[in-house]
Amino acid sequence: MNPTSEPIFTAGFPLGSSAGLVTAFEWLGQPYRITRVDMLGEMRTDAYKRLNGRVETPVLITEEGDVLTETMAIALWLEARDTQRRISFEPGTPQAHRLHQYLAFLNTGFTGAFYPMWVALEAPGATDGEKETLRKFGRSFVALRHEQLEAMMGDSDYLLGNKPTLADAVFAGVARWVDFHQAIDPRNYPRILALRQRIEADPAFRFAAAIEDGKPAIGSGAMKGLVPLETVLHHTSGALTA
């Protein structure tokens, strides 16, 4: 059951990849609400595990009360609603196929490259040597994926032309992890750095970052309010998640 008349998007903080999808919601411009989730605390409770047993964000609760998990699934849900093609392309076109290619790469290889460094940060039983080995592998993976993405990109302002799409949103939510982990020198990848700077200056992303930080923010008007996590968990306590 959804306690509101709009879809509810659960956005994790700090530094959640879900900030990218909040940016996409803003670009799309259709009504939605946000539930902020502390990934270091609230997300690890038994109550949250009943919402998403994999203990992850993001999660989407649709207007019908269905629970949808995984970034890729939520991105495709947004694409299906994008009848005005603000952040996607006509289904079946070469541009749509290219969008899906970028989404798949960003959501798997690009995002996954940071995993060893997150493990090094969060593994309480790991020795200093084990953590450094994880960080070393992580840095090499991140560098490889940046090299691959840099080679995929053209000279347009965004990944798929001169307007931002779902691919740019998913990219933006993760790309900033480079700074947090000091994984690479961003200047070695000028196209990626320019794209980051362009999106991070966009009002939609600035709104997403402010919401993530719990600061007052003015967005496009599509976000209709915050919903407490306790309210979401109460109303979806019987939901089944895949």
C-alpha atoms as a PDB file:
ATOM      1  CA  MET A   1       0.000   0.000   0.000  1.00  0.00           C
ATOM      2  CA  ASN A   2       1.228   3.505  -0.827  1.00  0.00           C
ATOM      3  CA  PRO A   3       0.327   6.109   1.829  1.00  0.00           C
ATOM      4  CA  THR A   4       0.331   8.917  -0.773  1.00  0.00           C
ATOM      5  CA  SER A   5      -1.133   9.495  -4.209  1.00  0.00           C
ATOM      6  CA  GLU A   6       2.323   9.870  -5.774  1.00  0.00           C
ATOM      7  CA  PRO A   7       5.136   7.353  -6.183  1.00  0.00           C
ATOM      8  CA  ILE A   8       7.587   7.397  -3.291  1.00  0.00           C
ATOM      9  CA  PHE A   9      11.306   7.101  -3.949  1.00  0.00           C
ATOM     10  CA  THR A  10      13.583   6.070  -1.094  1.00  0.00           C
ATOM     11  CA  ALA A  11      16.891   7.887  -1.434  1.00  0.00           C
ATOM     12  CA  GLY A  12      19.883   6.730   0.577  1.00  0.00           C
ATOM     13  CA  PHE A  13      22.388   8.976   2.317  1.00  0.00           C
ATOM     14  CA  PRO A  14      25.265   9.682   2.679  1.00  0.00           C
ATOM     15  CA  LEU A  15      26.511   9.634  -0.932  1.00  0.00           C
ATOM     16  CA  GLY A  16      23.794   7.323  -2.219  1.00  0.00           C
ATOM     17  CA  SER A  17      23.717   6.470  -5.886  1.00  0.00           C
ATOM     18  CA  SER A  18      20.002   7.276  -5.621  1.00  0.00           C
ATOM     19  CA  ALA A  19      20.801  11.006  -5.925  1.00  0.00           C
ATOM     20  CA  GLY A  20      21.130  10.284  -9.622  1.00  0.00           C
ATOM     21  CA  LEU A  21      17.585   8.984  -9.888  1.00  0.00           C
ATOM     22  CA  VAL A  22      16.269  11.930  -7.878  1.00  0.00           C
ATOM     23  CA  THR A  23      17.889  14.063 -10.575  1.00  0.00           C
ATOM     24  CA  ALA A  24      16.048  12.013 -13.204  1.00  0.00           C
ATOM     25  CA  PHE A  25      12.738  12.501 -11.386  1.00  0.00           C
ATOM     26  CA  GLU A  26      13.368  16.244 -11.440  1.00  0.00           C
ATOM     27  CA  TRP A  27      14.181  16.243 -15.147  1.00  0.00           C
ATOM     28  CA  LEU A  28      11.070  14.170 -15.839  1.00  0.00           C
ATOM     29  CA  GLY A  29       8.892  16.666 -13.997  1.00  0.00           C
ATOM     30  CA  GLN A  30       6.111  14.307 -12.882  1.00  0.00           C
ATOM     31  CA  PRO A  31       4.848  14.290  -9.251  1.00  0.00           C
ATOM     32  CA  TYR A  32       6.735  12.145  -6.739  1.00  0.00           C
ATOM     33  CA  ARG A  33       7.743  12.098  -3.092  1.00  0.00           C
ATOM     34  CA  ILE A  34      10.979  11.179  -1.334  1.00  0.00           C
ATOM     35  CA  THR A  35      11.821   9.144   1.731  1.00  0.00           C
ATOM     36  CA  ARG A  36      15.347   9.721   3.035  1.00  0.00           C
ATOM     37  CA  VAL A  37      17.091   6.587   4.338  1.00  0.00           C
ATOM     38  CA  ASP A  38      20.203   6.598   6.508  1.00  0.00           C
ATOM     39  CA  MET A  39      22.238   3.800   4.929  1.00  0.00           C
ATOM     40  CA  LEU A  40      24.481   3.507   7.984  1.00  0.00           C
ATOM     41  CA  GLY A  41      21.583   3.091  10.403  1.00  0.00           C
ATOM     42  CA  GLU A  42      17.935   2.856   9.343  1.00  0.00           C
ATOM     43  CA  MET A  43      18.700   0.730   6.295  1.00  0.00           C
ATOM     44  CA  ARG A  44      20.184  -2.026   8.457  1.00  0.00           C
ATOM     45  CA  THR A  45      17.119  -2.569  10.638  1.00  0.00           C
ATOM     46  CA  ASP A  46      14.814  -5.583  10.448  1.00  0.00           C
ATOM     47  CA  ALA A  47      11.936  -3.292   9.492  1.00  0.00           C
ATOM     48  CA  TYR A  48      13.811  -2.047   6.435  1.00  0.00           C
ATOM     49  CA  LYS A  49      14.824  -5.586   5.487  1.00  0.00           C
ATOM     50  CA  ARG A  50      11.132  -6.362   5.073  1.00  0.00           C
ATOM     51  CA  LEU A  51      11.015  -3.601   2.454  1.00  0.00           C
ATOM     52  CA  ASN A  52      14.202  -4.699   0.700  1.00  0.00           C
ATOM     53  CA  GLY A  53      15.780  -7.877   1.978  1.00  0.00           C
ATOM     54  CA  ARG A  54      19.058  -7.073   0.219  1.00  0.00           C
ATOM     55  CA  VAL A  55      19.451  -4.033   2.511  1.00  0.00           C
ATOM     56  CA  GLU A  56      19.966  -1.530  -0.278  1.00  0.00           C
ATOM     57  CA  THR A  57      18.622   1.671  -1.723  1.00  0.00           C
ATOM     58  CA  PRO A  58      16.998   2.846  -3.898  1.00  0.00           C
ATOM     59  CA  VAL A  59      13.473   1.497  -3.566  1.00  0.00           C
ATOM     60  CA  LEU A  60      10.393   2.792  -5.359  1.00  0.00           C
ATOM     61  CA  ILE A  61       6.829   2.431  -4.088  1.00  0.00           C
ATOM     62  CA  THR A  62       4.507   2.999  -7.030  1.00  0.00           C
ATOM     63  CA  GLU A  63       1.128   4.717  -6.820  1.00  0.00           C
ATOM     64  CA  GLU A  64      -0.443   1.256  -6.712  1.00  0.00           C
ATOM     65  CA  GLY A  65       1.733   0.272  -3.745  1.00  0.00           C
ATOM     66  CA  ASP A  66       4.020  -2.088  -5.649  1.00  0.00           C
ATOM     67  CA  VAL A  67       7.607  -2.192  -4.378  1.00  0.00           C
ATOM     68  CA  LEU A  68      10.311  -1.937  -7.013  1.00  0.00           C
ATOM     69  CA  THR A  69      14.015  -2.327  -6.235  1.00  0.00           C
ATOM     70  CA  GLU A  70      17.271  -2.007  -8.225  1.00  0.00           C
ATOM     71  CA  THR A  71      18.467   1.107 -10.043  1.00  0.00           C
ATOM     72  CA  MET A  72      18.052  -0.423 -13.499  1.00  0.00           C
ATOM     73  CA  ALA A  73      14.445  -1.462 -12.857  1.00  0.00           C
ATOM     74  CA  ILE A  74      13.530   1.970 -11.505  1.00  0.00           C
ATOM     75  CA  ALA A  75      15.245   3.672 -14.447  1.00  0.00           C
ATOM     76  CA  LEU A  76      13.180   1.591 -16.877  1.00  0.00           C
ATOM     77  CA  TRP A  77      10.033   2.441 -14.893  1.00  0.00           C
ATOM     78  CA  LEU A  78      10.887   6.119 -15.363  1.00  0.00           C
ATOM     79  CA  GLU A  79      11.524   5.541 -19.064  1.00  0.00           C
ATOM     80  CA  ALA A  80       8.082   3.964 -19.465  1.00  0.00           C
ATOM     81  CA  ARG A  81       6.449   7.062 -17.933  1.00  0.00           C
ATOM     82  CA  ASP A  82       8.456   9.447 -20.094  1.00  0.00           C
ATOM     83  CA  THR A  83       5.882   9.866 -22.856  1.00  0.00           C
ATOM     84  CA  GLN A  84       7.224  13.339 -23.689  1.00  0.00           C
ATOM     85  CA  ARG A  85      10.742  11.872 -24.075  1.00  0.00           C
ATOM     86  CA  ARG A  86      12.392  14.336 -21.750  1.00  0.00           C
ATOM     87  CA  ILE A  87      14.962  11.838 -20.463  1.00  0.00           C
ATOM     88  CA  SER A  88      14.724   8.948 -22.922  1.00  0.00           C
ATOM     89  CA  PHE A  89      14.050   8.091 -26.562  1.00  0.00           C
ATOM     90  CA  GLU A  90      11.325   6.426 -28.614  1.00  0.00           C
ATOM     91  CA  PRO A  91      11.359   2.679 -27.845  1.00  0.00           C
ATOM     92  CA  GLY A  92      13.043   0.545 -30.459  1.00  0.00           C
ATOM     93  CA  THR A  93      15.142   3.329 -31.932  1.00  0.00           C
ATOM     94  CA  PRO A  94      18.958   3.200 -32.097  1.00  0.00           C
ATOM     95  CA  GLN A  95      19.075   5.987 -29.509  1.00  0.00           C
ATOM     96  CA  ALA A  96      16.946   3.933 -27.100  1.00  0.00           C
ATOM     97  CA  HIS A  97      19.194   0.915 -27.539  1.00  0.00           C
ATOM     98  CA  ARG A  98      22.241   3.090 -26.918  1.00  0.00           C
ATOM     99  CA  LEU A  99      20.597   4.486 -23.774  1.00  0.00           C
ATOM    100  CA  HIS A 100      20.073   0.956 -22.463  1.00  0.00           C
ATOM    101  CA  GLN A 101      23.681   0.102 -23.243  1.00  0.00           C
ATOM    102  CA  TYR A 102      24.911   3.045 -21.190  1.00  0.00           C
ATOM    103  CA  LEU A 103      22.513   2.275 -18.339  1.00  0.00           C
ATOM    104  CA  ALA A 104      23.673  -1.335 -18.199  1.00  0.00           C
ATOM    105  CA  PHE A 105      27.362  -0.394 -18.220  1.00  0.00           C
ATOM    106  CA  LEU A 106      26.963   2.320 -15.610  1.00  0.00           C
ATOM    107  CA  ASN A 107      24.842   0.158 -13.332  1.00  0.00           C
ATOM    108  CA  THR A 108      27.185  -2.854 -13.488  1.00  0.00           C
ATOM    109  CA  GLY A 109      30.830  -2.317 -14.389  1.00  0.00           C
ATOM    110  CA  PHE A 110      31.105   1.378 -13.552  1.00  0.00           C
ATOM    111  CA  THR A 111      29.277   1.184 -10.225  1.00  0.00           C
ATOM    112  CA  GLY A 112      30.725  -2.212  -9.307  1.00  0.00           C
ATOM    113  CA  ALA A 113      34.288  -0.947  -9.720  1.00  0.00           C
ATOM    114  CA  PHE A 114      33.922   0.938  -6.430  1.00  0.00           C
ATOM    115  CA  TYR A 115      32.813  -2.142  -4.489  1.00  0.00           C
ATOM    116  CA  PRO A 116      36.255  -3.151  -3.142  1.00  0.00           C
ATOM    117  CA  MET A 117      36.751   0.328  -1.690  1.00  0.00           C
ATOM    118  CA  TRP A 118      33.357   0.294   0.006  1.00  0.00           C
ATOM    119  CA  VAL A 119      34.212  -3.127   1.458  1.00  0.00           C
ATOM    120  CA  ALA A 120      37.530  -1.783   2.731  1.00  0.00           C
ATOM    121  CA  LEU A 121      35.690   1.073   4.412  1.00  0.00           C
ATOM    122  CA  GLU A 122      32.923  -0.999   5.976  1.00  0.00           C
ATOM    123  CA  ALA A 123      34.629  -4.324   6.856  1.00  0.00           C
ATOM    124  CA  PRO A 124      35.224  -4.157  10.646  1.00  0.00           C
ATOM    125  CA  GLY A 125      37.209  -7.393  10.821  1.00  0.00           C
ATOM    126  CA  ALA A 126      39.644  -6.652   8.006  1.00  0.00           C
ATOM    127  CA  THR A 127      43.300  -5.970   8.765  1.00  0.00           C
ATOM    128  CA  ASP A 128      45.058  -2.859   7.527  1.00  0.00           C
ATOM    129  CA  GLY A 129      46.834  -4.959   4.923  1.00  0.00           C
ATOM    130  CA  GLU A 130      43.596  -6.489   3.682  1.00  0.00           C
ATOM    131  CA  LYS A 131      41.981  -3.060   3.443  1.00  0.00           C
ATOM    132  CA  GLU A 132      44.898  -1.686   1.445  1.00  0.00           C
ATOM    133  CA  THR A 133      44.717  -4.652  -0.936  1.00  0.00           C
ATOM    134  CA  LEU A 134      41.012  -3.965  -1.458  1.00  0.00           C
ATOM    135  CA  ARG A 135      41.683  -0.289  -2.080  1.00  0.00           C
ATOM    136  CA  LYS A 136      44.445  -1.160  -4.550  1.00  0.00           C
ATOM    137  CA  PHE A 137      42.119  -3.433  -6.534  1.00  0.00           C
ATOM    138  CA  GLY A 138      39.374  -0.836  -6.349  1.00  0.00           C
ATOM    139  CA  ARG A 139      41.587   1.919  -7.738  1.00  0.00           C
ATOM    140  CA  SER A 140      42.611  -0.280 -10.670  1.00  0.00           C
ATOM    141  CA  PHE A 141      38.986  -1.225 -11.412  1.00  0.00           C
ATOM    142  CA  VAL A 142      37.813   2.390 -11.238  1.00  0.00           C
ATOM    143  CA  ALA A 143      40.613   3.505 -13.547  1.00  0.00           C
ATOM    144  CA  LEU A 144      39.733   0.777 -16.060  1.00  0.00           C
ATOM    145  CA  ARG A 145      36.037   1.674 -16.102  1.00  0.00           C
ATOM    146  CA  HIS A 146      36.853   5.356 -16.493  1.00  0.00           C
ATOM    147  CA  GLU A 147      39.094   4.557 -19.445  1.00  0.00           C
ATOM    148  CA  GLN A 148      36.287   2.543 -21.015  1.00  0.00           C
ATOM    149  CA  LEU A 149      33.650   5.201 -20.424  1.00  0.00           C
ATOM    150  CA  GLU A 150      35.940   7.956 -21.714  1.00  0.00           C
ATOM    151  CA  ALA A 151      36.383   5.935 -24.921  1.00  0.00           C
ATOM    152  CA  MET A 152      32.610   5.424 -25.291  1.00  0.00           C
ATOM    153  CA  MET A 153      31.818   9.121 -25.031  1.00  0.00           C
ATOM    154  CA  GLY A 154      31.595  11.495 -27.951  1.00  0.00           C
ATOM    155  CA  ASP A 155      31.993  15.247 -28.049  1.00  0.00           C
ATOM    156  CA  SER A 156      28.394  16.130 -27.155  1.00  0.00           C
ATOM    157  CA  ASP A 157      27.432  17.843 -23.924  1.00  0.00           C
ATOM    158  CA  TYR A 158      25.889  14.674 -22.483  1.00  0.00           C
ATOM    159  CA  LEU A 159      26.303  10.938 -22.925  1.00  0.00           C
ATOM    160  CA  LEU A 160      23.661  10.721 -25.649  1.00  0.00           C
ATOM    161  CA  GLY A 161      23.611  14.097 -27.300  1.00  0.00           C
ATOM    162  CA  ASN A 162      22.865  17.627 -26.225  1.00  0.00           C
ATOM    163  CA  LYS A 163      20.253  16.916 -23.555  1.00  0.00           C
ATOM    164  CA  PRO A 164      20.560  14.966 -20.296  1.00  0.00           C
ATOM    165  CA  THR A 165      18.973  11.518 -20.114  1.00  0.00           C
ATOM    166  CA  LEU A 166      18.557   8.703 -17.625  1.00  0.00           C
ATOM    167  CA  ALA A 167      22.109   7.630 -18.416  1.00  0.00           C
ATOM    168  CA  ASP A 168      23.515  10.963 -17.270  1.00  0.00           C
ATOM    169  CA  ALA A 169      21.461  10.777 -14.082  1.00  0.00           C
ATOM    170  CA  VAL A 170      22.697   7.281 -13.181  1.00  0.00           C
ATOM    171  CA  PHE A 171      26.251   8.380 -13.988  1.00  0.00           C
ATOM    172  CA  ALA A 172      26.050  11.442 -11.761  1.00  0.00           C
ATOM    173  CA  GLY A 173      24.892   9.528  -8.699  1.00  0.00           C
ATOM    174  CA  VAL A 174      27.987   7.316  -8.774  1.00  0.00           C
ATOM    175  CA  ALA A 175      30.731   9.400 -10.412  1.00  0.00           C
ATOM    176  CA  ARG A 176      31.225  11.563  -7.307  1.00  0.00           C
ATOM    177  CA  TRP A 177      32.452   8.516  -5.380  1.00  0.00           C
ATOM    178  CA  VAL A 178      35.796   9.117  -7.066  1.00  0.00           C
ATOM    179  CA  ASP A 179      36.386  12.115  -4.814  1.00  0.00           C
ATOM    180  CA  PHE A 180      35.295  10.373  -1.642  1.00  0.00           C
ATOM    181  CA  HIS A 181      37.594   7.386  -2.193  1.00  0.00           C
ATOM    182  CA  GLN A 182      40.354   9.380  -3.916  1.00  0.00           C
ATOM    183  CA  ALA A 183      40.374   6.523  -6.409  1.00  0.00           C
ATOM    184  CA  ILE A 184      41.821   8.324  -9.442  1.00  0.00           C
ATOM    185  CA  ASP A 185      42.832  11.759 -10.617  1.00  0.00           C
ATOM    186  CA  PRO A 186      39.676  13.009 -12.392  1.00  0.00           C
ATOM    187  CA  ARG A 187      41.794  15.273 -14.600  1.00  0.00           C
ATOM    188  CA  ASN A 188      43.068  12.176 -16.403  1.00  0.00           C
ATOM    189  CA  TYR A 189      39.588  11.739 -17.910  1.00  0.00           C
ATOM    190  CA  PRO A 190      38.635  15.154 -19.292  1.00  0.00           C
ATOM    191  CA  ARG A 191      35.381  14.140 -20.975  1.00  0.00           C
ATOM    192  CA  ILE A 192      34.090  12.469 -17.826  1.00  0.00           C
ATOM    193  CA  LEU A 193      35.199  15.394 -15.675  1.00  0.00           C
ATOM    194  CA  ALA A 194      33.460  17.888 -17.958  1.00  0.00           C
ATOM    195  CA  LEU A 195      30.254  15.837 -17.840  1.00  0.00           C
ATOM    196  CA  ARG A 196      30.402  15.631 -14.049  1.00  0.00           C
ATOM    197  CA  GLN A 197      30.858  19.373 -13.740  1.00  0.00           C
ATOM    198  CA  ARG A 198      27.997  20.046 -16.149  1.00  0.00           C
ATOM    199  CA  ILE A 199      25.537  17.793 -14.331  1.00  0.00           C
ATOM    200  CA  GLU A 200      26.620  18.771 -10.827  1.00  0.00           C
ATOM    201  CA  ALA A 201      25.926  22.395 -11.746  1.00  0.00           C
ATOM    202  CA  ASP A 202      22.430  21.483 -12.958  1.00  0.00           C
ATOM    203  CA  PRO A 203      19.616  22.676 -10.642  1.00  0.00           C
ATOM    204  CA  ALA A 204      18.119  19.167 -10.592  1.00  0.00           C
ATOM    205  CA  PHE A 205      21.295  17.584  -9.261  1.00  0.00           C
ATOM    206  CA  ARG A 206      21.857  20.408  -6.795  1.00  0.00           C
ATOM    207  CA  PHE A 207      18.339  19.774  -5.513  1.00  0.00           C
ATOM    208  CA  ALA A 208      19.052  16.038  -5.192  1.00  0.00           C
ATOM    209  CA  ALA A 209      22.287  16.721  -3.289  1.00  0.00           C
ATOM    210  CA  ALA A 210      20.546  19.132  -0.920  1.00  0.00           C
ATOM    211  CA  ILE A 211      17.772  16.622  -0.180  1.00  0.00           C
ATOM    212  CA  GLU A 212      20.440  13.991   0.433  1.00  0.00           C
ATOM    213  CA  ASP A 213      22.133  16.302   2.943  1.00  0.00           C
ATOM    214  CA  GLY A 214      18.853  17.118   4.659  1.00  0.00           C
ATOM    215  CA  LYS A 215      19.032  20.784   3.679  1.00  0.00           C
ATOM    216  CA  PRO A 216      16.184  23.050   2.520  1.00  0.00           C
ATOM    217  CA  ALA A 217      15.917  22.910  -1.258  1.00  0.00           C
ATOM    218  CA  ILE A 218      13.736  24.214  -4.052  1.00  0.00           C
ATOM    219  CA  GLY A 219      13.361  21.915  -7.032  1.00  0.00           C
ATOM    220  CA  SER A 220      11.227  21.857 -10.140  1.00  0.00           C
ATOM    221  CA  GLY A 221       8.027  21.499  -8.126  1.00  0.00           C
ATOM    222  CA  ALA A 222       7.621  17.841  -9.064  1.00  0.00           C
ATOM    223  CA  MET A 223       8.664  16.653  -5.600  1.00  0.00           C
ATOM    224  CA  LYS A 224       5.532  16.971  -3.470  1.00  0.00           C
ATOM    225  CA  GLY A 225       7.085  16.389  -0.085  1.00  0.00           C
ATOM    226  CA  LEU A 226       9.070  14.097   2.171  1.00  0.00           C
ATOM    227  CA  VAL A 227       7.542  10.947   3.636  1.00  0.00           C
ATOM    228  CA  PRO A 228       9.021   9.593   6.895  1.00  0.00           C
ATOM    229  CA  LEU A 229      10.578   6.169   6.536  1.00  0.00           C
ATOM    230  CA  GLU A 230       8.438   4.890   9.419  1.00  0.00           C
ATOM    231  CA  THR A 231       5.297   5.731   7.422  1.00  0.00           C
ATOM    232  CA  VAL A 232       6.567   3.878   4.359  1.00  0.00           C
ATOM    233  CA  LEU A 233       7.590   0.823   6.371  1.00  0.00           C
ATOM    234  CA  HIS A 234       4.227   0.718   8.154  1.00  0.00           C
ATOM    235  CA  HIS A 235       2.200   0.852   4.949  1.00  0.00           C
ATOM    236  CA  THR A 236       4.389  -1.612   3.028  1.00  0.00           C
ATOM    237  CA  SER A 237       4.992  -4.096   5.842  1.00  0.00           C
ATOM    238  CA  GLY A 238       3.189  -6.814   3.929  1.00  0.00           C
ATOM    239  CA  ALA A 239       4.758  -6.114   0.573  1.00  0.00           C
ATOM    240  CA  LEU A 240       6.757  -8.756  -1.270  1.00  0.00           C
ATOM    241  CA  THR A 241       9.993  -7.661  -2.965  1.00  0.00           C
ATOM    242  CA  ALA A 242      11.791  -9.536  -5.681  1.00  0.00           C
END
